[in-house]
Amino acid sequence: MPDINGLAGGGDLSALVLSHGQRDHTGLSHLAGPGLPVALGAAMLAILEAAATFVSGCHVPTNTVFPEPDEP
């Protein structure tokens, strides 16, 4: 894995955005440090929490933020 400035938090990255819960999108999220917010939907967090019991290596981020939907 290449060194990504800010992946641990406090660098150039503002947040890690998880668009959906498929393994190819969440599989490396455990590399994000506690100082880097992980943005995802509340439903996706609930699904990851439920899956963690059954899916080996399923990571449930603890430093989550929930983006506000855009208003017209």
C-alpha atoms as a PDB file:
ATOM      1  CA  MET A   1       0.000   0.000   0.000  1.00  0.00           C
ATOM      2  CA  PRO A   2       1.489   3.357  -0.946  1.00  0.00           C
ATOM      3  CA  ASP A   3       1.888   5.976   1.746  1.00  0.00           C
ATOM      4  CA  ILE A   4      -1.106   8.325   1.503  1.00  0.00           C
ATOM      5  CA  ASN A   5      -0.566  11.654   3.217  1.00  0.00           C
ATOM      6  CA  GLY A   6      -3.385  12.235   5.682  1.00  0.00           C
ATOM      7  CA  LEU A   7      -4.776   8.696   5.816  1.00  0.00           C
ATOM      8  CA  ALA A   8      -3.977   8.621   9.526  1.00  0.00           C
ATOM      9  CA  GLY A   9      -5.642  12.032   9.945  1.00  0.00           C
ATOM     10  CA  GLY A  10      -4.318  15.540  10.254  1.00  0.00           C
ATOM     11  CA  GLY A  11      -2.949  15.717   6.708  1.00  0.00           C
ATOM     12  CA  ASP A  12      -4.249  16.665   3.296  1.00  0.00           C
ATOM     13  CA  LEU A  13      -7.375  14.498   3.459  1.00  0.00           C
ATOM     14  CA  SER A  14     -10.576  15.926   4.960  1.00  0.00           C
ATOM     15  CA  ALA A  15     -12.415  12.602   5.198  1.00  0.00           C
ATOM     16  CA  LEU A  16     -12.693   9.097   3.797  1.00  0.00           C
ATOM     17  CA  VAL A  17     -15.993   8.762   1.912  1.00  0.00           C
ATOM     18  CA  LEU A  18     -17.549   5.309   1.675  1.00  0.00           C
ATOM     19  CA  SER A  19     -20.162   5.331  -1.066  1.00  0.00           C
ATOM     20  CA  HIS A  20     -21.556   1.864  -0.362  1.00  0.00           C
ATOM     21  CA  GLY A  21     -20.758  -1.232   1.627  1.00  0.00           C
ATOM     22  CA  GLN A  22     -19.309  -3.562  -0.975  1.00  0.00           C
ATOM     23  CA  ARG A  23     -15.953  -4.993   0.045  1.00  0.00           C
ATOM     24  CA  ASP A  24     -14.087  -3.305  -2.819  1.00  0.00           C
ATOM     25  CA  HIS A  25     -15.130   0.066  -1.362  1.00  0.00           C
ATOM     26  CA  THR A  26     -14.714  -0.643   2.360  1.00  0.00           C
ATOM     27  CA  GLY A  27     -11.933  -3.238   2.407  1.00  0.00           C
ATOM     28  CA  LEU A  28      -9.084  -0.846   3.212  1.00  0.00           C
ATOM     29  CA  SER A  29     -11.063   1.497   5.460  1.00  0.00           C
ATOM     30  CA  HIS A  30      -9.358  -0.038   8.492  1.00  0.00           C
ATOM     31  CA  LEU A  31      -6.188   1.798   7.395  1.00  0.00           C
ATOM     32  CA  ALA A  32      -7.791   5.179   8.107  1.00  0.00           C
ATOM     33  CA  GLY A  33      -6.506   6.533  11.385  1.00  0.00           C
ATOM     34  CA  PRO A  34      -8.756   7.735  14.196  1.00  0.00           C
ATOM     35  CA  GLY A  35      -8.044  11.352  13.220  1.00  0.00           C
ATOM     36  CA  LEU A  36      -9.629  10.952   9.780  1.00  0.00           C
ATOM     37  CA  PRO A  37     -13.439  11.130   9.707  1.00  0.00           C
ATOM     38  CA  VAL A  38     -15.223   8.409   7.727  1.00  0.00           C
ATOM     39  CA  ALA A  39     -18.294   9.730   5.918  1.00  0.00           C
ATOM     40  CA  LEU A  40     -21.097   7.294   5.165  1.00  0.00           C
ATOM     41  CA  GLY A  41     -24.848   6.967   5.463  1.00  0.00           C
ATOM     42  CA  ALA A  42     -26.522   5.814   8.662  1.00  0.00           C
ATOM     43  CA  ALA A  43     -28.086   2.829   6.855  1.00  0.00           C
ATOM     44  CA  MET A  44     -24.697   1.731   5.562  1.00  0.00           C
ATOM     45  CA  LEU A  45     -23.229   1.913   9.060  1.00  0.00           C
ATOM     46  CA  ALA A  46     -26.077  -0.267  10.349  1.00  0.00           C
ATOM     47  CA  ILE A  47     -25.454  -2.801   7.572  1.00  0.00           C
ATOM     48  CA  LEU A  48     -21.704  -2.924   8.320  1.00  0.00           C
ATOM     49  CA  GLU A  49     -22.423  -3.409  12.024  1.00  0.00           C
ATOM     50  CA  ALA A  50     -24.802  -6.288  11.267  1.00  0.00           C
ATOM     51  CA  ALA A  51     -22.421  -7.871   8.740  1.00  0.00           C
ATOM     52  CA  ALA A  52     -19.431  -7.739  11.100  1.00  0.00           C
ATOM     53  CA  THR A  53     -20.840 -10.716  13.009  1.00  0.00           C
ATOM     54  CA  PHE A  54     -20.891 -12.881   9.900  1.00  0.00           C
ATOM     55  CA  VAL A  55     -18.200 -11.507   7.566  1.00  0.00           C
ATOM     56  CA  SER A  56     -14.602 -12.140   8.516  1.00  0.00           C
ATOM     57  CA  GLY A  57     -12.516  -8.971   8.408  1.00  0.00           C
ATOM     58  CA  CYS A  58     -15.508  -6.645   8.084  1.00  0.00           C
ATOM     59  CA  HIS A  59     -14.382  -3.289   9.468  1.00  0.00           C
ATOM     60  CA  VAL A  60     -16.866  -0.989  11.170  1.00  0.00           C
ATOM     61  CA  PRO A  61     -15.436   2.543  11.377  1.00  0.00           C
ATOM     62  CA  THR A  62     -15.787   4.253  14.745  1.00  0.00           C
ATOM     63  CA  ASN A  63     -14.916   7.804  13.659  1.00  0.00           C
ATOM     64  CA  THR A  64     -17.980   8.274  11.457  1.00  0.00           C
ATOM     65  CA  VAL A  65     -19.662  11.419  10.236  1.00  0.00           C
ATOM     66  CA  PHE A  66     -22.985  11.584   8.441  1.00  0.00           C
ATOM     67  CA  PRO A  67     -23.162  14.083   5.566  1.00  0.00           C
ATOM     68  CA  GLU A  68     -26.198  16.313   5.436  1.00  0.00           C
ATOM     69  CA  PRO A  69     -28.297  15.908   2.275  1.00  0.00           C
ATOM     70  CA  ASP A  70     -28.235  18.824  -0.122  1.00  0.00           C
ATOM     71  CA  GLU A  71     -31.238  21.085   0.066  1.00  0.00           C
ATOM     72  CA  PRO A  72     -32.679  22.540  -3.152  1.00  0.00           C
END
